[in-house]
Amino acid sequence: MTKITLVKKVHPDGTACRKCRDVLGRIERDGVWGRIDRVVVADERDPDSEGMRLAARFHVERAPFFIVERPGEPPQIYTVYLRLLREELKREASEPDEVRELMSTARLDFI
């Protein structure tokens, strides 16, 4: 059974990263919340938070990211939501969403 974990980031002032908020909104609009098994926080105020440990373990430097786990296979990491949507959730993104994703690359939030 496939398990999907979403890792989102919280800044030192306690606010969620902008890109994380954008992706959370897309997940809701796309109706795929039911496919996300866990949400984990990479809290910059706590370097030992589960999300920060996962980012270090998988050498991920930007948030949000997704960990897709299947029994007997190495975890697959996605740092781009639309790629996860297409490859794992078997959904197509609208053209405006794809353009928005490309344009938002400059707004990536690093862990």
PDB file of N, CA and C in Angstrom:
ATOM      1  N   MET A   1       0.834  -1.175   0.000  1.00  0.00           N
ATOM      2  CA  MET A   1       0.000   0.000   0.000  1.00  0.00           C
ATOM      3  C   MET A   1       0.886   1.248   0.000  1.00  0.00           C
ATOM      4  N   THR A   2       0.576   2.185  -0.839  1.00  0.00           N
ATOM      5  CA  THR A   2       1.337   3.423  -0.948  1.00  0.00           C
ATOM      6  C   THR A   2       0.973   4.373   0.186  1.00  0.00           C
ATOM      7  N   LYS A   3       1.996   4.995   0.775  1.00  0.00           N
ATOM      8  CA  LYS A   3       1.809   5.965   1.855  1.00  0.00           C
ATOM      9  C   LYS A   3       2.467   7.276   1.416  1.00  0.00           C
ATOM     10  N   ILE A   4       1.710   8.376   1.493  1.00  0.00           N
ATOM     11  CA  ILE A   4       2.236   9.686   1.090  1.00  0.00           C
ATOM     12  C   ILE A   4       2.290  10.600   2.307  1.00  0.00           C
ATOM     13  N   THR A   5       3.490  11.146   2.536  1.00  0.00           N
ATOM     14  CA  THR A   5       3.705  12.103   3.627  1.00  0.00           C
ATOM     15  C   THR A   5       4.027  13.457   3.014  1.00  0.00           C
ATOM     16  N   LEU A   6       3.354  14.479   3.483  1.00  0.00           N
ATOM     17  CA  LEU A   6       3.620  15.859   3.092  1.00  0.00           C
ATOM     18  C   LEU A   6       4.435  16.510   4.204  1.00  0.00           C
ATOM     19  N   VAL A   7       5.562  17.108   3.834  1.00  0.00           N
ATOM     20  CA  VAL A   7       6.378  17.836   4.804  1.00  0.00           C
ATOM     21  C   VAL A   7       6.271  19.314   4.466  1.00  0.00           C
ATOM     22  N   LYS A   8       5.734  20.079   5.416  1.00  0.00           N
ATOM     23  CA  LYS A   8       5.592  21.520   5.225  1.00  0.00           C
ATOM     24  C   LYS A   8       6.467  22.230   6.244  1.00  0.00           C
ATOM     25  N   LYS A   9       6.797  23.483   5.949  1.00  0.00           N
ATOM     26  CA  LYS A   9       7.742  24.220   6.788  1.00  0.00           C
ATOM     27  C   LYS A   9       7.063  25.332   7.567  1.00  0.00           C
ATOM     28  N   VAL A  10       7.567  25.540   8.776  1.00  0.00           N
ATOM     29  CA  VAL A  10       7.148  26.659   9.616  1.00  0.00           C
ATOM     30  C   VAL A  10       8.378  27.524   9.868  1.00  0.00           C
ATOM     31  N   HIS A  11       8.243  28.823   9.605  1.00  0.00           N
ATOM     32  CA  HIS A  11       9.335  29.784   9.800  1.00  0.00           C
ATOM     33  C   HIS A  11       9.578  30.038  11.284  1.00  0.00           C
ATOM     34  N   PRO A  12      10.714  30.644  11.613  1.00  0.00           N
ATOM     35  CA  PRO A  12      11.021  30.948  13.023  1.00  0.00           C
ATOM     36  C   PRO A  12       9.969  31.806  13.722  1.00  0.00           C
ATOM     37  N   ASP A  13       9.225  32.609  12.955  1.00  0.00           N
ATOM     38  CA  ASP A  13       8.186  33.430  13.586  1.00  0.00           C
ATOM     39  C   ASP A  13       6.857  32.690  13.742  1.00  0.00           C
ATOM     40  N   GLY A  14       6.847  31.397  13.357  1.00  0.00           N
ATOM     41  CA  GLY A  14       5.652  30.572  13.527  1.00  0.00           C
ATOM     42  C   GLY A  14       4.717  30.544  12.334  1.00  0.00           C
ATOM     43  N   THR A  15       5.023  31.287  11.282  1.00  0.00           N
ATOM     44  CA  THR A  15       4.164  31.292  10.098  1.00  0.00           C
ATOM     45  C   THR A  15       4.556  30.172   9.139  1.00  0.00           C
ATOM     46  N   ALA A  16       3.568  29.705   8.396  1.00  0.00           N
ATOM     47  CA  ALA A  16       3.818  28.684   7.380  1.00  0.00           C
ATOM     48  C   ALA A  16       4.496  29.327   6.182  1.00  0.00           C
ATOM     49  N   CYS A  17       5.350  28.585   5.514  1.00  0.00           N
ATOM     50  CA  CYS A  17       6.002  29.130   4.331  1.00  0.00           C
ATOM     51  C   CYS A  17       4.950  29.386   3.242  1.00  0.00           C
ATOM     52  N   ARG A  18       5.203  30.388   2.450  1.00  0.00           N
ATOM     53  CA  ARG A  18       4.246  30.806   1.413  1.00  0.00           C
ATOM     54  C   ARG A  18       3.981  29.690   0.396  1.00  0.00           C
ATOM     55  N   LYS A  19       5.033  29.045  -0.068  1.00  0.00           N
ATOM     56  CA  LYS A  19       4.871  27.964  -1.042  1.00  0.00           C
ATOM     57  C   LYS A  19       4.055  26.819  -0.428  1.00  0.00           C
ATOM     58  N   CYS A  20       4.270  26.542   0.858  1.00  0.00           N
ATOM     59  CA  CYS A  20       3.509  25.486   1.531  1.00  0.00           C
ATOM     60  C   CYS A  20       2.025  25.835   1.541  1.00  0.00           C
ATOM     61  N   ARG A  21       1.707  27.076   1.849  1.00  0.00           N
ATOM     62  CA  ARG A  21       0.302  27.507   1.843  1.00  0.00           C
ATOM     63  C   ARG A  21      -0.292  27.355   0.446  1.00  0.00           C
ATOM     64  N   ASP A  22       0.465  27.724  -0.582  1.00  0.00           N
ATOM     65  CA  ASP A  22      -0.008  27.587  -1.961  1.00  0.00           C
ATOM     66  C   ASP A  22      -0.317  26.126  -2.291  1.00  0.00           C
ATOM     67  N   VAL A  23       0.611  25.257  -1.944  1.00  0.00           N
ATOM     68  CA  VAL A  23       0.437  23.830  -2.258  1.00  0.00           C
ATOM     69  C   VAL A  23      -0.725  23.239  -1.464  1.00  0.00           C
ATOM     70  N   LEU A  24      -0.864  23.614  -0.201  1.00  0.00           N
ATOM     71  CA  LEU A  24      -1.993  23.115   0.594  1.00  0.00           C
ATOM     72  C   LEU A  24      -3.321  23.523  -0.046  1.00  0.00           C
ATOM     73  N   GLY A  25      -3.396  24.742  -0.557  1.00  0.00           N
ATOM     74  CA  GLY A  25      -4.601  25.193  -1.253  1.00  0.00           C
ATOM     75  C   GLY A  25      -4.868  24.390  -2.510  1.00  0.00           C
ATOM     76  N   ARG A  26      -3.817  24.079  -3.244  1.00  0.00           N
ATOM     77  CA  ARG A  26      -3.978  23.275  -4.468  1.00  0.00           C
ATOM     78  C   ARG A  26      -4.453  21.866  -4.147  1.00  0.00           C
ATOM     79  N   ILE A  27      -3.896  21.282  -3.099  1.00  0.00           N
ATOM     80  CA  ILE A  27      -4.315  19.940  -2.695  1.00  0.00           C
ATOM     81  C   ILE A  27      -5.811  19.935  -2.400  1.00  0.00           C
ATOM     82  N   GLU A  28      -6.246  20.956  -1.693  1.00  0.00           N
ATOM     83  CA  GLU A  28      -7.675  21.065  -1.376  1.00  0.00           C
ATOM     84  C   GLU A  28      -8.505  21.250  -2.646  1.00  0.00           C
ATOM     85  N   ARG A  29      -8.104  22.184  -3.503  1.00  0.00           N
ATOM     86  CA  ARG A  29      -8.858  22.428  -4.752  1.00  0.00           C
ATOM     87  C   ARG A  29      -8.888  21.201  -5.658  1.00  0.00           C
ATOM     88  N   ASP A  30      -7.787  20.452  -5.663  1.00  0.00           N
ATOM     89  CA  ASP A  30      -7.717  19.256  -6.507  1.00  0.00           C
ATOM     90  C   ASP A  30      -8.444  18.065  -5.906  1.00  0.00           C
ATOM     91  N   GLY A  31      -8.892  18.192  -4.669  1.00  0.00           N
ATOM     92  CA  GLY A  31      -9.653  17.120  -4.032  1.00  0.00           C
ATOM     93  C   GLY A  31      -8.844  15.874  -3.730  1.00  0.00           C
ATOM     94  N   VAL A  32      -7.553  16.046  -3.401  1.00  0.00           N
ATOM     95  CA  VAL A  32      -6.704  14.872  -3.156  1.00  0.00           C
ATOM     96  C   VAL A  32      -6.235  14.752  -1.698  1.00  0.00           C
ATOM     97  N   TRP A  33      -6.849  15.530  -0.779  1.00  0.00           N
ATOM     98  CA  TRP A  33      -6.452  15.422   0.627  1.00  0.00           C
ATOM     99  C   TRP A  33      -6.552  13.989   1.128  1.00  0.00           C
ATOM    100  N   GLY A  34      -7.529  13.257   0.660  1.00  0.00           N
ATOM    101  CA  GLY A  34      -7.712  11.875   1.098  1.00  0.00           C
ATOM    102  C   GLY A  34      -6.563  10.961   0.721  1.00  0.00           C
ATOM    103  N   ARG A  35      -5.726  11.391  -0.194  1.00  0.00           N
ATOM    104  CA  ARG A  35      -4.571  10.583  -0.618  1.00  0.00           C
ATOM    105  C   ARG A  35      -3.311  10.902   0.182  1.00  0.00           C
ATOM    106  N   ILE A  36      -3.345  11.974   0.978  1.00  0.00           N
ATOM    107  CA  ILE A  36      -2.205  12.340   1.816  1.00  0.00           C
ATOM    108  C   ILE A  36      -2.398  11.660   3.172  1.00  0.00           C
ATOM    109  N   ASP A  37      -1.464  10.786   3.522  1.00  0.00           N
ATOM    110  CA  ASP A  37      -1.610  10.000   4.745  1.00  0.00           C
ATOM    111  C   ASP A  37      -1.141  10.726   6.000  1.00  0.00           C
ATOM    112  N   ARG A  38      -0.111  11.562   5.846  1.00  0.00           N
ATOM    113  CA  ARG A  38       0.453  12.271   6.998  1.00  0.00           C
ATOM    114  C   ARG A  38       0.915  13.646   6.568  1.00  0.00           C
ATOM    115  N   VAL A  39       0.835  14.569   7.503  1.00  0.00           N
ATOM    116  CA  VAL A  39       1.418  15.898   7.322  1.00  0.00           C
ATOM    117  C   VAL A  39       2.397  16.094   8.468  1.00  0.00           C
ATOM    118  N   VAL A  40       3.639  16.410   8.108  1.00  0.00           N
ATOM    119  CA  VAL A  40       4.710  16.570   9.077  1.00  0.00           C
ATOM    120  C   VAL A  40       5.254  17.989   8.945  1.00  0.00           C
ATOM    121  N   VAL A  41       5.641  18.577  10.062  1.00  0.00           N
ATOM    122  CA  VAL A  41       6.150  19.948  10.059  1.00  0.00           C
ATOM    123  C   VAL A  41       7.668  19.967  10.195  1.00  0.00           C
ATOM    124  N   ALA A  42       8.298  20.731   9.296  1.00  0.00           N
ATOM    125  CA  ALA A  42       9.721  21.056   9.411  1.00  0.00           C
ATOM    126  C   ALA A  42       9.761  22.430  10.077  1.00  0.00           C
ATOM    127  N   ASP A  43       9.944  22.440  11.372  1.00  0.00           N
ATOM    128  CA  ASP A  43       9.863  23.668  12.159  1.00  0.00           C
ATOM    129  C   ASP A  43      11.266  24.253  12.323  1.00  0.00           C
ATOM    130  N   GLU A  44      11.499  25.409  11.704  1.00  0.00           N
ATOM    131  CA  GLU A  44      12.822  26.034  11.786  1.00  0.00           C
ATOM    132  C   GLU A  44      13.205  26.407  13.216  1.00  0.00           C
ATOM    133  N   ARG A  45      12.231  26.498  14.114  1.00  0.00           N
ATOM    134  CA  ARG A  45      12.526  26.796  15.512  1.00  0.00           C
ATOM    135  C   ARG A  45      13.044  25.579  16.259  1.00  0.00           C
ATOM    136  N   ASP A  46      12.877  24.395  15.636  1.00  0.00           N
ATOM    137  CA  ASP A  46      13.289  23.150  16.281  1.00  0.00           C
ATOM    138  C   ASP A  46      14.006  22.271  15.265  1.00  0.00           C
ATOM    139  N   PRO A  47      15.346  22.329  15.242  1.00  0.00           N
ATOM    140  CA  PRO A  47      16.097  21.539  14.265  1.00  0.00           C
ATOM    141  C   PRO A  47      15.878  20.033  14.408  1.00  0.00           C
ATOM    142  N   ASP A  48      15.322  19.617  15.554  1.00  0.00           N
ATOM    143  CA  ASP A  48      15.064  18.195  15.763  1.00  0.00           C
ATOM    144  C   ASP A  48      13.604  17.822  15.464  1.00  0.00           C
ATOM    145  N   SER A  49      12.832  18.764  14.886  1.00  0.00           N
ATOM    146  CA  SER A  49      11.451  18.431  14.525  1.00  0.00           C
ATOM    147  C   SER A  49      11.470  17.335  13.465  1.00  0.00           C
ATOM    148  N   GLU A  50      10.413  16.572  13.416  1.00  0.00           N
ATOM    149  CA  GLU A  50      10.377  15.430  12.489  1.00  0.00           C
ATOM    150  C   GLU A  50      10.615  15.863  11.046  1.00  0.00           C
ATOM    151  N   GLY A  51      10.003  16.958  10.640  1.00  0.00           N
ATOM    152  CA  GLY A  51      10.184  17.429   9.261  1.00  0.00           C
ATOM    153  C   GLY A  51      11.612  17.825   8.956  1.00  0.00           C
ATOM    154  N   MET A  52      12.291  18.461   9.902  1.00  0.00           N
ATOM    155  CA  MET A  52      13.696  18.833   9.700  1.00  0.00           C
ATOM    156  C   MET A  52      14.569  17.582   9.613  1.00  0.00           C
ATOM    157  N   ARG A  53      14.249  16.578  10.423  1.00  0.00           N
ATOM    158  CA  ARG A  53      15.009  15.314  10.355  1.00  0.00           C
ATOM    159  C   ARG A  53      14.787  14.622   9.017  1.00  0.00           C
ATOM    160  N   LEU A  54      13.530  14.631   8.533  1.00  0.00           N
ATOM    161  CA  LEU A  54      13.246  14.009   7.234  1.00  0.00           C
ATOM    162  C   LEU A  54      13.944  14.763   6.102  1.00  0.00           C
ATOM    163  N   ALA A  55      13.958  16.092   6.172  1.00  0.00           N
ATOM    164  CA  ALA A  55      14.651  16.884   5.147  1.00  0.00           C
ATOM    165  C   ALA A  55      16.133  16.519   5.110  1.00  0.00           C
ATOM    166  N   ALA A  56      16.748  16.387   6.276  1.00  0.00           N
ATOM    167  CA  ALA A  56      18.162  16.018   6.337  1.00  0.00           C
ATOM    168  C   ALA A  56      18.377  14.589   5.834  1.00  0.00           C
ATOM    169  N   ARG A  57      17.530  13.686   6.252  1.00  0.00           N
ATOM    170  CA  ARG A  57      17.673  12.277   5.861  1.00  0.00           C
ATOM    171  C   ARG A  57      17.605  12.101   4.348  1.00  0.00           C
ATOM    172  N   PHE A  58      16.674  12.834   3.700  1.00  0.00           N
ATOM    173  CA  PHE A  58      16.489  12.681   2.258  1.00  0.00           C
ATOM    174  C   PHE A  58      17.195  13.769   1.451  1.00  0.00           C
ATOM    175  N   HIS A  59      17.993  14.593   2.128  1.00  0.00           N
ATOM    176  CA  HIS A  59      18.773  15.647   1.460  1.00  0.00           C
ATOM    177  C   HIS A  59      17.888  16.589   0.655  1.00  0.00           C
ATOM    178  N   VAL A  60      16.783  16.987   1.250  1.00  0.00           N
ATOM    179  CA  VAL A  60      15.849  17.915   0.612  1.00  0.00           C
ATOM    180  C   VAL A  60      16.083  19.301   1.195  1.00  0.00           C
ATOM    181  N   GLU A  61      16.176  20.291   0.327  1.00  0.00           N
ATOM    182  CA  GLU A  61      16.479  21.645   0.780  1.00  0.00           C
ATOM    183  C   GLU A  61      15.335  22.625   0.571  1.00  0.00           C
ATOM    184  N   ARG A  62      14.195  22.164   0.047  1.00  0.00           N
ATOM    185  CA  ARG A  62      13.084  23.099  -0.134  1.00  0.00           C
ATOM    186  C   ARG A  62      11.772  22.482   0.327  1.00  0.00           C
ATOM    187  N   ALA A  63      10.881  23.371   0.677  1.00  0.00           N
ATOM    188  CA  ALA A  63       9.587  22.941   1.186  1.00  0.00           C
ATOM    189  C   ALA A  63       8.497  23.551   0.318  1.00  0.00           C
ATOM    190  N   PRO A  64       7.366  22.883   0.236  1.00  0.00           N
ATOM    191  CA  PRO A  64       7.061  21.583   0.815  1.00  0.00           C
ATOM    192  C   PRO A  64       7.645  20.468  -0.043  1.00  0.00           C
ATOM    193  N   PHE A  65       7.682  19.277   0.535  1.00  0.00           N
ATOM    194  CA  PHE A  65       8.051  18.111  -0.255  1.00  0.00           C
ATOM    195  C   PHE A  65       7.212  16.931   0.197  1.00  0.00           C
ATOM    196  N   PHE A  66       7.206  15.907  -0.643  1.00  0.00           N
ATOM    197  CA  PHE A  66       6.383  14.727  -0.410  1.00  0.00           C
ATOM    198  C   PHE A  66       7.274  13.492  -0.399  1.00  0.00           C
ATOM    199  N   ILE A  67       6.958  12.571   0.492  1.00  0.00           N
ATOM    200  CA  ILE A  67       7.652  11.286   0.556  1.00  0.00           C
ATOM    201  C   ILE A  67       6.616  10.222   0.222  1.00  0.00           C
ATOM    202  N   VAL A  68       6.881   9.464  -0.830  1.00  0.00           N
ATOM    203  CA  VAL A  68       5.984   8.392  -1.241  1.00  0.00           C
ATOM    204  C   VAL A  68       6.679   7.073  -0.920  1.00  0.00           C
ATOM    205  N   GLU A  69       6.014   6.276  -0.088  1.00  0.00           N
ATOM    206  CA  GLU A  69       6.597   5.008   0.348  1.00  0.00           C
ATOM    207  C   GLU A  69       5.724   3.840  -0.079  1.00  0.00           C
ATOM    208  N   ARG A  70       6.402   2.830  -0.610  1.00  0.00           N
ATOM    209  CA  ARG A  70       5.758   1.573  -0.980  1.00  0.00           C
ATOM    210  C   ARG A  70       6.557   0.441  -0.343  1.00  0.00           C
ATOM    211  N   PRO A  71       5.880  -0.582   0.156  1.00  0.00           N
ATOM    212  CA  PRO A  71       6.608  -1.703   0.775  1.00  0.00           C
ATOM    213  C   PRO A  71       7.634  -2.290  -0.194  1.00  0.00           C
ATOM    214  N   GLY A  72       8.834  -2.515   0.319  1.00  0.00           N
ATOM    215  CA  GLY A  72       9.877  -3.154  -0.471  1.00  0.00           C
ATOM    216  C   GLY A  72      10.572  -2.251  -1.476  1.00  0.00           C
ATOM    217  N   GLU A  73      10.245  -0.954  -1.496  1.00  0.00           N
ATOM    218  CA  GLU A  73      10.880  -0.020  -2.434  1.00  0.00           C
ATOM    219  C   GLU A  73      11.469   1.150  -1.664  1.00  0.00           C
ATOM    220  N   PRO A  74      12.513   1.753  -2.227  1.00  0.00           N
ATOM    221  CA  PRO A  74      13.029   2.957  -1.564  1.00  0.00           C
ATOM    222  C   PRO A  74      12.026   4.099  -1.684  1.00  0.00           C
ATOM    223  N   PRO A  75      11.993   4.989  -0.712  1.00  0.00           N
ATOM    224  CA  PRO A  75      11.061   6.122  -0.786  1.00  0.00           C
ATOM    225  C   PRO A  75      11.333   6.997  -2.015  1.00  0.00           C
ATOM    226  N   GLN A  76      10.286   7.515  -2.589  1.00  0.00           N
ATOM    227  CA  GLN A  76      10.369   8.448  -3.715  1.00  0.00           C
ATOM    228  C   GLN A  76      10.082   9.838  -3.170  1.00  0.00           C
ATOM    229  N   ILE A  77      10.930  10.808  -3.488  1.00  0.00           N
ATOM    230  CA  ILE A  77      10.775  12.168  -2.992  1.00  0.00           C
ATOM    231  C   ILE A  77      10.304  13.068  -4.134  1.00  0.00           C
ATOM    232  N   TYR A  78       9.299  13.868  -3.844  1.00  0.00           N
ATOM    233  CA  TYR A  78       8.789  14.849  -4.809  1.00  0.00           C
ATOM    234  C   TYR A  78       8.892  16.233  -4.180  1.00  0.00           C
ATOM    235  N   THR A  79       9.538  17.152  -4.880  1.00  0.00           N
ATOM    236  CA  THR A  79       9.610  18.535  -4.419  1.00  0.00           C
ATOM    237  C   THR A  79       8.710  19.440  -5.248  1.00  0.00           C
ATOM    238  N   VAL A  80       8.049  18.852  -6.238  1.00  0.00           N
ATOM    239  CA  VAL A  80       7.124  19.594  -7.092  1.00  0.00           C
ATOM    240  C   VAL A  80       5.754  18.915  -7.013  1.00  0.00           C
ATOM    241  N   TYR A  81       4.779  19.639  -6.511  1.00  0.00           N
ATOM    242  CA  TYR A  81       3.435  19.083  -6.316  1.00  0.00           C
ATOM    243  C   TYR A  81       2.825  18.568  -7.615  1.00  0.00           C
ATOM    244  N   LEU A  82       2.937  19.316  -8.708  1.00  0.00           N
ATOM    245  CA  LEU A  82       2.300  18.887  -9.955  1.00  0.00           C
ATOM    246  C   LEU A  82       2.885  17.576 -10.472  1.00  0.00           C
ATOM    247  N   ARG A  83       4.144  17.340 -10.210  1.00  0.00           N
ATOM    248  CA  ARG A  83       4.748  16.063 -10.606  1.00  0.00           C
ATOM    249  C   ARG A  83       4.143  14.925  -9.774  1.00  0.00           C
ATOM    250  N   LEU A  84       3.983  15.155  -8.470  1.00  0.00           N
ATOM    251  CA  LEU A  84       3.317  14.170  -7.613  1.00  0.00           C
ATOM    252  C   LEU A  84       1.897  13.930  -8.104  1.00  0.00           C
ATOM    253  N   LEU A  85       1.205  14.996  -8.433  1.00  0.00           N
ATOM    254  CA  LEU A  85      -0.178  14.897  -8.899  1.00  0.00           C
ATOM    255  C   LEU A  85      -0.277  13.998 -10.126  1.00  0.00           C
ATOM    256  N   ARG A  86       0.605  14.222 -11.081  1.00  0.00           N
ATOM    257  CA  ARG A  86       0.591  13.440 -12.326  1.00  0.00           C
ATOM    258  C   ARG A  86       1.068  12.009 -12.124  1.00  0.00           C
ATOM    259  N   GLU A  87       2.223  11.857 -11.481  1.00  0.00           N
ATOM    260  CA  GLU A  87       2.872  10.546 -11.416  1.00  0.00           C
ATOM    261  C   GLU A  87       2.300   9.615 -10.354  1.00  0.00           C
ATOM    262  N   GLU A  88       1.889  10.154  -9.237  1.00  0.00           N
ATOM    263  CA  GLU A  88       1.427   9.306  -8.141  1.00  0.00           C
ATOM    264  C   GLU A  88      -0.084   9.314  -7.972  1.00  0.00           C
ATOM    265  N   LEU A  89      -0.676  10.479  -8.143  1.00  0.00           N
ATOM    266  CA  LEU A  89      -2.110  10.597  -7.904  1.00  0.00           C
ATOM    267  C   LEU A  89      -2.916  10.454  -9.186  1.00  0.00           C
ATOM    268  N   LYS A  90      -2.201  10.341 -10.318  1.00  0.00           N
ATOM    269  CA  LYS A  90      -2.811  10.106 -11.637  1.00  0.00           C
ATOM    270  C   LYS A  90      -3.872  11.137 -11.984  1.00  0.00           C
ATOM    271  N   ARG A  91      -3.537  12.394 -11.680  1.00  0.00           N
ATOM    272  CA  ARG A  91      -4.430  13.500 -12.008  1.00  0.00           C
ATOM    273  C   ARG A  91      -3.670  14.475 -12.885  1.00  0.00           C
ATOM    274  N   GLU A  92      -4.370  15.103 -13.779  1.00  0.00           N
ATOM    275  CA  GLU A  92      -3.757  16.118 -14.635  1.00  0.00           C
ATOM    276  C   GLU A  92      -4.015  17.489 -14.046  1.00  0.00           C
ATOM    277  N   ALA A  93      -3.010  18.318 -14.105  1.00  0.00           N
ATOM    278  CA  ALA A  93      -3.155  19.701 -13.649  1.00  0.00           C
ATOM    279  C   ALA A  93      -3.678  20.536 -14.800  1.00  0.00           C
ATOM    280  N   SER A  94      -4.390  21.593 -14.465  1.00  0.00           N
ATOM    281  CA  SER A  94      -4.857  22.506 -15.502  1.00  0.00           C
ATOM    282  C   SER A  94      -3.658  23.297 -16.016  1.00  0.00           C
ATOM    283  N   GLU A  95      -3.771  23.807 -17.232  1.00  0.00           N
ATOM    284  CA  GLU A  95      -2.677  24.588 -17.803  1.00  0.00           C
ATOM    285  C   GLU A  95      -2.333  25.800 -16.940  1.00  0.00           C
ATOM    286  N   PRO A  96      -3.323  26.555 -16.426  1.00  0.00           N
ATOM    287  CA  PRO A  96      -2.971  27.686 -15.553  1.00  0.00           C
ATOM    288  C   PRO A  96      -2.185  27.248 -14.311  1.00  0.00           C
ATOM    289  N   ASP A  97      -2.521  26.071 -13.752  1.00  0.00           N
ATOM    290  CA  ASP A  97      -1.773  25.589 -12.595  1.00  0.00           C
ATOM    291  C   ASP A  97      -0.336  25.265 -12.972  1.00  0.00           C
ATOM    292  N   GLU A  98      -0.137  24.672 -14.143  1.00  0.00           N
ATOM    293  CA  GLU A  98       1.219  24.357 -14.578  1.00  0.00           C
ATOM    294  C   GLU A  98       2.035  25.626 -14.776  1.00  0.00           C
ATOM    295  N   VAL A  99       1.440  26.631 -15.385  1.00  0.00           N
ATOM    296  CA  VAL A  99       2.143  27.900 -15.583  1.00  0.00           C
ATOM    297  C   VAL A  99       2.466  28.528 -14.231  1.00  0.00           C
ATOM    298  N   ARG A 100       1.509  28.511 -13.324  1.00  0.00           N
ATOM    299  CA  ARG A 100       1.712  29.076 -11.987  1.00  0.00           C
ATOM    300  C   ARG A 100       2.852  28.346 -11.264  1.00  0.00           C
ATOM    301  N   GLU A 101       2.901  27.035 -11.402  1.00  0.00           N
ATOM    302  CA  GLU A 101       3.965  26.248 -10.765  1.00  0.00           C
ATOM    303  C   GLU A 101       5.324  26.637 -11.330  1.00  0.00           C
ATOM    304  N   LEU A 102       5.408  26.778 -12.627  1.00  0.00           N
ATOM    305  CA  LEU A 102       6.670  27.182 -13.243  1.00  0.00           C
ATOM    306  C   LEU A 102       7.094  28.569 -12.786  1.00  0.00           C
ATOM    307  N   MET A 103       6.152  29.479 -12.716  1.00  0.00           N
ATOM    308  CA  MET A 103       6.458  30.848 -12.327  1.00  0.00           C
ATOM    309  C   MET A 103       6.809  30.947 -10.843  1.00  0.00           C
ATOM    310  N   SER A 104       6.331  30.023 -10.042  1.00  0.00           N
ATOM    311  CA  SER A 104       6.573  30.117  -8.599  1.00  0.00           C
ATOM    312  C   SER A 104       7.916  29.539  -8.191  1.00  0.00           C
ATOM    313  N   THR A 105       8.665  28.991  -9.129  1.00  0.00           N
ATOM    314  CA  THR A 105       9.959  28.405  -8.805  1.00  0.00           C
ATOM    315  C   THR A 105      10.852  29.414  -8.088  1.00  0.00           C
ATOM    316  N   ALA A 106      10.734  30.666  -8.433  1.00  0.00           N
ATOM    317  CA  ALA A 106      11.549  31.690  -7.770  1.00  0.00           C
ATOM    318  C   ALA A 106      11.151  31.879  -6.317  1.00  0.00           C
ATOM    319  N   ARG A 107       9.966  31.397  -5.935  1.00  0.00           N
ATOM    320  CA  ARG A 107       9.489  31.566  -4.567  1.00  0.00           C
ATOM    321  C   ARG A 107       9.731  30.326  -3.708  1.00  0.00           C
ATOM    322  N   LEU A 108      10.554  29.404  -4.162  1.00  0.00           N
ATOM    323  CA  LEU A 108      10.801  28.194  -3.386  1.00  0.00           C
ATOM    324  C   LEU A 108      11.320  28.566  -2.007  1.00  0.00           C
ATOM    325  N   ASP A 109      10.914  27.815  -1.045  1.00  0.00           N
ATOM    326  CA  ASP A 109      11.312  28.092   0.329  1.00  0.00           C
ATOM    327  C   ASP A 109      12.299  27.016   0.777  1.00  0.00           C
ATOM    328  N   PHE A 110      13.494  27.424   1.086  1.00  0.00           N
ATOM    329  CA  PHE A 110      14.532  26.479   1.454  1.00  0.00           C
ATOM    330  C   PHE A 110      14.501  26.162   2.936  1.00  0.00           C
ATOM    331  N   ILE A 111      14.832  24.927   3.249  1.00  0.00           N
ATOM    332  CA  ILE A 111      14.856  24.459   4.636  1.00  0.00           C
ATOM    333  C   ILE A 111      16.250  24.695   5.188  1.00  0.00           C
TER     334      ILE A 111
END
